């Protein structure tokens, strides 16, 4: 569904994951719906080895 990279939030001093989605990803309502469901599920995970999900950002 996209490429995921590990990064560091320099303001919070915590690791984060950046997910880059392919161009036109949001043109398909089904794919966008599955992605947002993934976001909702990921926000419920709490584990020391998991990066916290802050907010999805779709940029055109």
C-alpha atoms as a PDB file:
ATOM      1  CA  UNK A   1       0.000   0.000   0.000  1.00  0.00           C
ATOM      2  CA  UNK A   2       3.017   2.297   0.306  1.00  0.00           C
ATOM      3  CA  UNK A   3       6.569   2.639   1.544  1.00  0.00           C
ATOM      4  CA  UNK A   4       7.292   2.984   5.264  1.00  0.00           C
ATOM      5  CA  UNK A   5      10.396   4.633   6.700  1.00  0.00           C
ATOM      6  CA  UNK A   6      11.667   5.027  10.244  1.00  0.00           C
ATOM      7  CA  UNK A   7      12.381   8.598  11.286  1.00  0.00           C
ATOM      8  CA  UNK A   8      12.889  10.596  14.463  1.00  0.00           C
ATOM      9  CA  UNK A   9      10.575  13.340  15.681  1.00  0.00           C
ATOM     10  CA  UNK A  10      13.154  15.957  16.633  1.00  0.00           C
ATOM     11  CA  UNK A  11      10.712  17.990  18.753  1.00  0.00           C
ATOM     12  CA  UNK A  12       9.443  15.043  20.789  1.00  0.00           C
ATOM     13  CA  UNK A  13      12.623  12.982  20.699  1.00  0.00           C
ATOM     14  CA  UNK A  14      10.725   9.847  19.705  1.00  0.00           C
ATOM     15  CA  UNK A  15      10.874   7.457  16.757  1.00  0.00           C
ATOM     16  CA  UNK A  16       8.106   7.750  14.176  1.00  0.00           C
ATOM     17  CA  UNK A  17       7.116   5.891  11.026  1.00  0.00           C
ATOM     18  CA  UNK A  18       6.505   7.772   7.790  1.00  0.00           C
ATOM     19  CA  UNK A  19       4.309   6.075   5.211  1.00  0.00           C
ATOM     20  CA  UNK A  20       4.431   7.389   1.650  1.00  0.00           C
ATOM     21  CA  UNK A  21       1.478   6.394  -0.493  1.00  0.00           C
ATOM     22  CA  UNK A  22       1.534   6.241  -4.286  1.00  0.00           C
ATOM     23  CA  UNK A  23       0.233   9.175  -6.344  1.00  0.00           C
ATOM     24  CA  UNK A  24      -3.486   9.030  -6.943  1.00  0.00           C
ATOM     25  CA  UNK A  25      -3.961   6.767  -3.940  1.00  0.00           C
ATOM     26  CA  UNK A  26      -6.949   8.750  -2.691  1.00  0.00           C
ATOM     27  CA  UNK A  27      -8.664   8.550  -6.111  1.00  0.00           C
ATOM     28  CA  UNK A  28      -9.824   5.030  -5.228  1.00  0.00           C
ATOM     29  CA  UNK A  29     -12.420   5.272  -2.415  1.00  0.00           C
ATOM     30  CA  UNK A  30     -11.935   1.613  -1.421  1.00  0.00           C
ATOM     31  CA  UNK A  31      -8.170   1.978  -0.977  1.00  0.00           C
ATOM     32  CA  UNK A  32      -8.622   5.202   0.984  1.00  0.00           C
ATOM     33  CA  UNK A  33     -11.237   3.549   3.216  1.00  0.00           C
ATOM     34  CA  UNK A  34      -8.855   0.612   3.946  1.00  0.00           C
ATOM     35  CA  UNK A  35      -6.008   3.023   4.708  1.00  0.00           C
ATOM     36  CA  UNK A  36      -8.150   4.993   7.166  1.00  0.00           C
ATOM     37  CA  UNK A  37      -9.233   1.711   8.803  1.00  0.00           C
ATOM     38  CA  UNK A  38      -5.528   0.836   9.143  1.00  0.00           C
ATOM     39  CA  UNK A  39      -4.946   4.224  10.799  1.00  0.00           C
ATOM     40  CA  UNK A  40      -7.768   3.631  13.286  1.00  0.00           C
ATOM     41  CA  UNK A  41      -6.403   0.180  14.147  1.00  0.00           C
ATOM     42  CA  UNK A  42      -2.802   1.388  14.457  1.00  0.00           C
ATOM     43  CA  UNK A  43      -3.844   4.124  16.882  1.00  0.00           C
ATOM     44  CA  UNK A  44      -5.052   1.431  19.297  1.00  0.00           C
ATOM     45  CA  UNK A  45      -1.675  -0.345  19.444  1.00  0.00           C
ATOM     46  CA  UNK A  46       0.458   0.410  22.467  1.00  0.00           C
ATOM     47  CA  UNK A  47       3.822  -1.333  22.564  1.00  0.00           C
ATOM     48  CA  UNK A  48       7.387  -0.101  23.263  1.00  0.00           C
ATOM     49  CA  UNK A  49       8.534  -1.310  19.819  1.00  0.00           C
ATOM     50  CA  UNK A  50       5.764   0.498  17.941  1.00  0.00           C
ATOM     51  CA  UNK A  51       5.989   4.062  16.691  1.00  0.00           C
ATOM     52  CA  UNK A  52       3.029   6.212  17.712  1.00  0.00           C
ATOM     53  CA  UNK A  53       0.676   7.316  14.964  1.00  0.00           C
ATOM     54  CA  UNK A  54       0.090  11.034  15.171  1.00  0.00           C
ATOM     55  CA  UNK A  55      -2.233  11.838  12.268  1.00  0.00           C
ATOM     56  CA  UNK A  56      -2.660  10.866   8.657  1.00  0.00           C
ATOM     57  CA  UNK A  57      -1.747  13.588   6.178  1.00  0.00           C
ATOM     58  CA  UNK A  58      -2.761  13.347   2.539  1.00  0.00           C
ATOM     59  CA  UNK A  59      -0.906  15.850   0.359  1.00  0.00           C
ATOM     60  CA  UNK A  60      -1.748  16.375  -3.289  1.00  0.00           C
END
